[in-house]
PDB file of N, CA and C in Angstrom:
ATOM      1  N   MET A   1     112.285 104.231 101.641  1.00  0.00           N
ATOM      2  CA  MET A   1     113.063 103.361 100.781  1.00  0.00           C
ATOM      3  C   MET A   1     114.541 103.382 101.160  1.00  0.00           C
ATOM      4  N   GLN A   2     114.999 104.473 101.761  1.00  0.00           N
ATOM      5  CA  GLN A   2     116.410 104.557 102.128  1.00  0.00           C
ATOM      6  C   GLN A   2     116.769 103.560 103.224  1.00  0.00           C
ATOM      7  N   ARG A   3     115.800 103.181 104.039  1.00  0.00           N
ATOM      8  CA  ARG A   3     116.068 102.284 105.170  1.00  0.00           C
ATOM      9  C   ARG A   3     115.576 100.862 104.929  1.00  0.00           C
ATOM     10  N   ILE A   4     115.187 100.559 103.713  1.00  0.00           N
ATOM     11  CA  ILE A   4     114.584  99.261 103.433  1.00  0.00           C
ATOM     12  C   ILE A   4     115.544  98.103 103.729  1.00  0.00           C
ATOM     13  N   LYS A   5     116.832  98.308 103.552  1.00  0.00           N
ATOM     14  CA  LYS A   5     117.792  97.224 103.779  1.00  0.00           C
ATOM     15  C   LYS A   5     117.905  96.829 105.242  1.00  0.00           C
ATOM     16  N   ARG A   6     117.390  97.650 106.119  1.00  0.00           N
ATOM     17  CA  ARG A   6     117.395  97.315 107.546  1.00  0.00           C
ATOM     18  C   ARG A   6     116.300  96.323 107.912  1.00  0.00           C
ATOM     19  N   LEU A   7     115.344  96.138 107.033  1.00  0.00           N
ATOM     20  CA  LEU A   7     114.226  95.228 107.296  1.00  0.00           C
ATOM     21  C   LEU A   7     114.590  93.800 106.928  1.00  0.00           C
ATOM     22  N   ASP A   8     113.855  92.843 107.490  1.00  0.00           N
ATOM     23  CA  ASP A   8     114.009  91.454 107.093  1.00  0.00           C
ATOM     24  C   ASP A   8     113.613  91.315 105.625  1.00  0.00           C
ATOM     25  N   LEU A   9     114.130  90.306 104.942  1.00  0.00           N
ATOM     26  CA  LEU A   9     113.858  90.124 103.516  1.00  0.00           C
ATOM     27  C   LEU A   9     112.366  90.050 103.188  1.00  0.00           C
ATOM     28  N   PRO A  10     111.566  89.292 103.947  1.00  0.00           N
ATOM     29  CA  PRO A  10     110.126  89.254 103.613  1.00  0.00           C
ATOM     30  C   PRO A  10     109.481  90.648 103.713  1.00  0.00           C
ATOM     31  N   CYS A  11     109.886  91.432 104.690  1.00  0.00           N
ATOM     32  CA  CYS A  11     109.353  92.787 104.842  1.00  0.00           C
ATOM     33  C   CYS A  11     109.817  93.685 103.694  1.00  0.00           C
ATOM     34  N   GLN A  12     111.055  93.517 103.263  1.00  0.00           N
ATOM     35  CA  GLN A  12     111.556  94.299 102.143  1.00  0.00           C
ATOM     36  C   GLN A  12     110.704  94.056 100.897  1.00  0.00           C
ATOM     37  N   GLN A  13     110.366  92.808 100.655  1.00  0.00           N
ATOM     38  CA  GLN A  13     109.560  92.465  99.479  1.00  0.00           C
ATOM     39  C   GLN A  13     108.180  93.100  99.563  1.00  0.00           C
ATOM     40  N   ILE A  14     107.567  93.060 100.727  1.00  0.00           N
ATOM     41  CA  ILE A  14     106.238  93.660 100.914  1.00  0.00           C
ATOM     42  C   ILE A  14     106.298  95.162 100.666  1.00  0.00           C
ATOM     43  N   VAL A  15     107.307  95.822 101.219  1.00  0.00           N
ATOM     44  CA  VAL A  15     107.441  97.263 101.035  1.00  0.00           C
ATOM     45  C   VAL A  15     107.635  97.594  99.559  1.00  0.00           C
ATOM     46  N   ARG A  16     108.480  96.856  98.875  1.00  0.00           N
ATOM     47  CA  ARG A  16     108.712  97.110  97.446  1.00  0.00           C
ATOM     48  C   ARG A  16     107.432  96.950  96.643  1.00  0.00           C
ATOM     49  N   GLU A  17     106.670  95.888  96.904  1.00  0.00           N
ATOM     50  CA  GLU A  17     105.411  95.665  96.182  1.00  0.00           C
ATOM     51  C   GLU A  17     104.433  96.805  96.424  1.00  0.00           C
ATOM     52  N   ARG A  18     104.333  97.257  97.654  1.00  0.00           N
ATOM     53  CA  ARG A  18     103.393  98.335  97.970  1.00  0.00           C
ATOM     54  C   ARG A  18     103.830  99.663  97.361  1.00  0.00           C
ATOM     55  N   VAL A  19     105.124  99.922  97.357  1.00  0.00           N
ATOM     56  CA  VAL A  19     105.609 101.163  96.749  1.00  0.00           C
ATOM     57  C   VAL A  19     105.279 101.164  95.263  1.00  0.00           C
ATOM     58  N   VAL A  20     105.451 100.049  94.598  1.00  0.00           N
ATOM     59  CA  VAL A  20     105.115  99.967  93.175  1.00  0.00           C
ATOM     60  C   VAL A  20     103.628 100.229  92.982  1.00  0.00           C
ATOM     61  N   ARG A  21     102.780  99.625  93.798  1.00  0.00           N
ATOM     62  CA  ARG A  21     101.333  99.845  93.675  1.00  0.00           C
ATOM     63  C   ARG A  21     100.977 101.295  93.941  1.00  0.00           C
ATOM     64  N   TRP A  22     101.595 101.907  94.950  1.00  0.00           N
ATOM     65  CA  TRP A  22     101.307 103.304  95.263  1.00  0.00           C
ATOM     66  C   TRP A  22     101.715 104.212  94.106  1.00  0.00           C
ATOM     67  N   ARG A  23     102.870 103.968  93.532  1.00  0.00           N
ATOM     68  CA  ARG A  23     103.326 104.793  92.406  1.00  0.00           C
ATOM     69  C   ARG A  23     102.411 104.630  91.205  1.00  0.00           C
ATOM     70  N   GLU A  24     101.989 103.397  90.927  1.00  0.00           N
ATOM     71  CA  GLU A  24     101.072 103.172  89.822  1.00  0.00           C
ATOM     72  C   GLU A  24      99.753 103.893  90.064  1.00  0.00           C
ATOM     73  N   ALA A  25      99.274 103.819  91.269  1.00  0.00           N
ATOM     74  CA  ALA A  25      97.990 104.434  91.595  1.00  0.00           C
ATOM     75  C   ALA A  25      98.070 105.947  91.517  1.00  0.00           C
ATOM     76  N   GLU A  26      99.209 106.528  91.848  1.00  0.00           N
ATOM     77  CA  GLU A  26      99.350 107.977  91.825  1.00  0.00           C
ATOM     78  C   GLU A  26      99.629 108.518  90.428  1.00  0.00           C
ATOM     79  N   GLY A  27     100.025 107.667  89.504  1.00  0.00           N
ATOM     80  CA  GLY A  27     100.363 108.108  88.157  1.00  0.00           C
ATOM     81  C   GLY A  27      99.207 108.730  87.403  1.00  0.00           C
ATOM     82  N   TYR A  28      97.998 108.373  87.716  1.00  0.00           N
ATOM     83  CA  TYR A  28      96.834 108.890  87.014  1.00  0.00           C
ATOM     84  C   TYR A  28      96.434 110.285  87.485  1.00  0.00           C
ATOM     85  N   THR A  29      96.924 110.734  88.623  1.00  0.00           N
ATOM     86  CA  THR A  29      96.431 111.952  89.262  1.00  0.00           C
ATOM     87  C   THR A  29      96.448 113.163  88.333  1.00  0.00           C
ATOM     88  N   LEU A  30      97.564 113.487  87.729  1.00  0.00           N
ATOM     89  CA  LEU A  30      97.650 114.669  86.877  1.00  0.00           C
ATOM     90  C   LEU A  30      96.814 114.532  85.614  1.00  0.00           C
ATOM     91  N   ALA A  31      96.813 113.374  85.015  1.00  0.00           N
ATOM     92  CA  ALA A  31      96.083 113.168  83.768  1.00  0.00           C
ATOM     93  C   ALA A  31      94.575 113.188  83.967  1.00  0.00           C
ATOM     94  N   CYS A  32      94.112 113.002  85.185  1.00  0.00           N
ATOM     95  CA  CYS A  32      92.682 112.829  85.422  1.00  0.00           C
ATOM     96  C   CYS A  32      92.040 113.940  86.241  1.00  0.00           C
ATOM     97  N   VAL A  33      92.723 115.051  86.432  1.00  0.00           N
ATOM     98  CA  VAL A  33      92.186 116.111  87.285  1.00  0.00           C
ATOM     99  C   VAL A  33      90.792 116.538  86.826  1.00  0.00           C
ATOM    100  N   GLU A  34      90.637 116.830  85.570  1.00  0.00           N
ATOM    101  CA  GLU A  34      89.343 117.295  85.054  1.00  0.00           C
ATOM    102  C   GLU A  34      88.293 116.185  85.089  1.00  0.00           C
ATOM    103  N   ASP A  35      88.709 114.963  84.829  1.00  0.00           N
ATOM    104  CA  ASP A  35      87.774 113.833  84.862  1.00  0.00           C
ATOM    105  C   ASP A  35      87.258 113.585  86.276  1.00  0.00           C
ATOM    106  N   VAL A  36      88.131 113.740  87.263  1.00  0.00           N
ATOM    107  CA  VAL A  36      87.702 113.568  88.659  1.00  0.00           C
ATOM    108  C   VAL A  36      86.663 114.624  89.007  1.00  0.00           C
ATOM    109  N   LYS A  37      86.903 115.870  88.592  1.00  0.00           N
ATOM    110  CA  LYS A  37      85.941 116.941  88.863  1.00  0.00           C
ATOM    111  C   LYS A  37      84.596 116.660  88.192  1.00  0.00           C
ATOM    112  N   ARG A  38      84.647 116.089  87.002  1.00  0.00           N
ATOM    113  CA  ARG A  38      83.438 115.871  86.223  1.00  0.00           C
ATOM    114  C   ARG A  38      82.699 114.602  86.640  1.00  0.00           C
ATOM    115  N   VAL A  39      83.418 113.514  86.844  1.00  0.00           N
ATOM    116  CA  VAL A  39      82.798 112.197  87.035  1.00  0.00           C
ATOM    117  C   VAL A  39      82.727 111.768  88.497  1.00  0.00           C
ATOM    118  N   CYS A  40      83.693 112.180  89.293  1.00  0.00           N
ATOM    119  CA  CYS A  40      83.802 111.657  90.660  1.00  0.00           C
ATOM    120  C   CYS A  40      83.769 112.758  91.719  1.00  0.00           C
ATOM    121  N   GLN A  41      83.144 113.872  91.430  1.00  0.00           N
ATOM    122  CA  GLN A  41      83.182 115.007  92.353  1.00  0.00           C
ATOM    123  C   GLN A  41      82.539 114.701  93.699  1.00  0.00           C
ATOM    124  N   ALA A  42      81.598 113.784  93.761  1.00  0.00           N
ATOM    125  CA  ALA A  42      80.915 113.474  95.022  1.00  0.00           C
ATOM    126  C   ALA A  42      81.663 112.432  95.859  1.00  0.00           C
ATOM    127  N   ILE A  43      82.742 111.898  95.333  1.00  0.00           N
ATOM    128  CA  ILE A  43      83.483 110.841  96.015  1.00  0.00           C
ATOM    129  C   ILE A  43      84.493 111.460  96.979  1.00  0.00           C
ATOM    130  N   GLU A  44      84.494 110.987  98.202  1.00  0.00           N
ATOM    131  CA  GLU A  44      85.460 111.441  99.210  1.00  0.00           C
ATOM    132  C   GLU A  44      86.813 110.776  98.941  1.00  0.00           C
ATOM    133  N   PRO A  45      87.888 111.552  98.836  1.00  0.00           N
ATOM    134  CA  PRO A  45      89.212 110.971  98.596  1.00  0.00           C
ATOM    135  C   PRO A  45      89.665 110.090  99.768  1.00  0.00           C
ATOM    136  N   GLY A  46      90.489 109.120  99.451  1.00  0.00           N
ATOM    137  CA  GLY A  46      91.074 108.239 100.464  1.00  0.00           C
ATOM    138  C   GLY A  46      90.723 106.793 100.209  1.00  0.00           C
ATOM    139  N   ASP A  47      91.596 105.911 100.637  1.00  0.00           N
ATOM    140  CA  ASP A  47      91.412 104.464 100.514  1.00  0.00           C
ATOM    141  C   ASP A  47      91.156 104.017  99.081  1.00  0.00           C
ATOM    142  N   GLY A  48      91.667 104.764  98.099  1.00  0.00           N
ATOM    143  CA  GLY A  48      91.537 104.357  96.701  1.00  0.00           C
ATOM    144  C   GLY A  48      90.173 104.599  96.092  1.00  0.00           C
ATOM    145  N   ARG A  49      89.313 105.382  96.756  1.00  0.00           N
ATOM    146  CA  ARG A  49      87.949 105.590  96.256  1.00  0.00           C
ATOM    147  C   ARG A  49      87.917 106.349  94.929  1.00  0.00           C
ATOM    148  N   ILE A  50      88.786 107.341  94.762  1.00  0.00           N
ATOM    149  CA  ILE A  50      88.805 108.100  93.504  1.00  0.00           C
ATOM    150  C   ILE A  50      89.234 107.187  92.358  1.00  0.00           C
ATOM    151  N   LEU A  51      90.295 106.430  92.562  1.00  0.00           N
ATOM    152  CA  LEU A  51      90.745 105.496  91.532  1.00  0.00           C
ATOM    153  C   LEU A  51      89.649 104.498  91.197  1.00  0.00           C
ATOM    154  N   GLN A  52      88.982 103.978  92.189  1.00  0.00           N
ATOM    155  CA  GLN A  52      87.890 103.029  91.958  1.00  0.00           C
ATOM    156  C   GLN A  52      86.785 103.695  91.142  1.00  0.00           C
ATOM    157  N   CYS A  53      86.430 104.932  91.479  1.00  0.00           N
ATOM    158  CA  CYS A  53      85.407 105.669  90.734  1.00  0.00           C
ATOM    159  C   CYS A  53      85.818 105.818  89.271  1.00  0.00           C
ATOM    160  N   LEU A  54      87.063 106.216  89.042  1.00  0.00           N
ATOM    161  CA  LEU A  54      87.530 106.376  87.669  1.00  0.00           C
ATOM    162  C   LEU A  54      87.480 105.058  86.911  1.00  0.00           C
ATOM    163  N   GLN A  55      87.900 103.976  87.558  1.00  0.00           N
ATOM    164  CA  GLN A  55      87.874 102.672  86.910  1.00  0.00           C
ATOM    165  C   GLN A  55      86.435 102.239  86.596  1.00  0.00           C
ATOM    166  N   GLU A  56      85.504 102.590  87.463  1.00  0.00           N
ATOM    167  CA  GLU A  56      84.106 102.222  87.233  1.00  0.00           C
ATOM    168  C   GLU A  56      83.475 103.050  86.113  1.00  0.00           C
ATOM    169  N   HIS A  57      84.059 104.220  85.801  1.00  0.00           N
ATOM    170  CA  HIS A  57      83.525 105.099  84.765  1.00  0.00           C
ATOM    171  C   HIS A  57      84.490 105.246  83.595  1.00  0.00           C
ATOM    172  N   GLU A  58      85.240 104.200  83.302  1.00  0.00           N
ATOM    173  CA  GLU A  58      86.258 104.261  82.253  1.00  0.00           C
ATOM    174  C   GLU A  58      85.709 104.783  80.933  1.00  0.00           C
ATOM    175  N   GLN A  59      84.497 104.394  80.588  1.00  0.00           N
ATOM    176  CA  GLN A  59      83.919 104.781  79.302  1.00  0.00           C
ATOM    177  C   GLN A  59      83.613 106.276  79.223  1.00  0.00           C
ATOM    178  N   ASP A  60      83.587 106.974  80.350  1.00  0.00           N
ATOM    179  CA  ASP A  60      83.270 108.402  80.393  1.00  0.00           C
ATOM    180  C   ASP A  60      84.497 109.290  80.518  1.00  0.00           C
ATOM    181  N   LEU A  61      85.673 108.709  80.524  1.00  0.00           N
ATOM    182  CA  LEU A  61      86.901 109.469  80.783  1.00  0.00           C
ATOM    183  C   LEU A  61      87.538 109.983  79.503  1.00  0.00           C
ATOM    184  N   SER A  62      88.354 111.021  79.656  1.00  0.00           N
ATOM    185  CA  SER A  62      89.156 111.498  78.534  1.00  0.00           C
ATOM    186  C   SER A  62      90.172 110.408  78.176  1.00  0.00           C
ATOM    187  N   GLU A  63      90.654 110.471  76.957  1.00  0.00           N
ATOM    188  CA  GLU A  63      91.602 109.449  76.497  1.00  0.00           C
ATOM    189  C   GLU A  63      92.880 109.458  77.337  1.00  0.00           C
ATOM    190  N   GLY A  64      93.398 110.652  77.654  1.00  0.00           N
ATOM    191  CA  GLY A  64      94.628 110.740  78.448  1.00  0.00           C
ATOM    192  C   GLY A  64      94.472 110.142  79.831  1.00  0.00           C
ATOM    193  N   CYS A  65      93.345 110.412  80.453  1.00  0.00           N
ATOM    194  CA  CYS A  65      93.084 109.846  81.780  1.00  0.00           C
ATOM    195  C   CYS A  65      92.955 108.332  81.681  1.00  0.00           C
ATOM    196  N   TYR A  66      92.163 107.884  80.735  1.00  0.00           N
ATOM    197  CA  TYR A  66      91.950 106.444  80.576  1.00  0.00           C
ATOM    198  C   TYR A  66      93.281 105.711  80.373  1.00  0.00           C
ATOM    199  N   GLN A  67      94.138 106.256  79.528  1.00  0.00           N
ATOM    200  CA  GLN A  67      95.420 105.615  79.246  1.00  0.00           C
ATOM    201  C   GLN A  67      96.341 105.596  80.464  1.00  0.00           C
ATOM    202  N   SER A  68      96.184 106.545  81.387  1.00  0.00           N
ATOM    203  CA  SER A  68      97.063 106.614  82.553  1.00  0.00           C
ATOM    204  C   SER A  68      96.622 105.701  83.692  1.00  0.00           C
ATOM    205  N   LEU A  69      95.389 105.214  83.635  1.00  0.00           N
ATOM    206  CA  LEU A  69      94.902 104.363  84.719  1.00  0.00           C
ATOM    207  C   LEU A  69      95.638 103.035  84.745  1.00  0.00           C
ATOM    208  N   PRO A  70      95.909 102.514  85.940  1.00  0.00           N
ATOM    209  CA  PRO A  70      96.490 101.173  86.028  1.00  0.00           C
ATOM    210  C   PRO A  70      95.496 100.173  85.462  1.00  0.00           C
ATOM    211  N   LYS A  71      95.989  99.231  84.726  1.00  0.00           N
ATOM    212  CA  LYS A  71      95.116  98.212  84.138  1.00  0.00           C
ATOM    213  C   LYS A  71      94.808  97.158  85.189  1.00  0.00           C
ATOM    214  N   GLY A  72      93.573  96.732  85.224  1.00  0.00           N
ATOM    215  CA  GLY A  72      93.141  95.805  86.248  1.00  0.00           C
ATOM    216  C   GLY A  72      92.783  96.583  87.503  1.00  0.00           C
ATOM    217  N   ARG A  73      92.318  95.917  88.476  1.00  0.00           N
ATOM    218  CA  ARG A  73      91.917  96.560  89.724  1.00  0.00           C
ATOM    219  C   ARG A  73      93.042  96.463  90.743  1.00  0.00           C
ATOM    220  N   LEU A  74      93.281  97.548  91.446  1.00  0.00           N
ATOM    221  CA  LEU A  74      94.311  97.548  92.494  1.00  0.00           C
ATOM    222  C   LEU A  74      93.652  97.384  93.846  1.00  0.00           C
ATOM    223  N   ASN A  75      94.284  96.615  94.695  1.00  0.00           N
ATOM    224  CA  ASN A  75      93.816  96.482  96.069  1.00  0.00           C
ATOM    225  C   ASN A  75      94.682  97.392  96.910  1.00  0.00           C
ATOM    226  N   LEU A  76      94.183  98.609  97.163  1.00  0.00           N
ATOM    227  CA  LEU A  76      94.989  99.612  97.852  1.00  0.00           C
ATOM    228  C   LEU A  76      94.889  99.543  99.361  1.00  0.00           C
ATOM    229  N   ARG A  77      94.068  98.709  99.887  1.00  0.00           N
ATOM    230  CA  ARG A  77      93.861  98.671 101.338  1.00  0.00           C
ATOM    231  C   ARG A  77      94.827  97.740 102.041  1.00  0.00           C
ATOM    232  N   ASN A  78      95.580  96.952 101.334  1.00  0.00           N
ATOM    233  CA  ASN A  78      96.530  96.021 101.965  1.00  0.00           C
ATOM    234  C   ASN A  78      97.878  96.654 102.116  1.00  0.00           C
TER     235      ASN A  78
END
């Protein structure tokens, strides 16, 4: 982020959008540690698979984890 101003404007916008998505996606990590162990233990981390697992099992999550999840589906591969 410190060097973002060196990029062309369209690239700056893309980087900003992705940083926001990454931060949103990482926000659930602490709140969902126990839920991941319980519900998604067989899922290999990476490419948003844990987040996808949690979103697919929303009804089985603790309230704190559920509330911390980003609303809607995130496309983390772009």
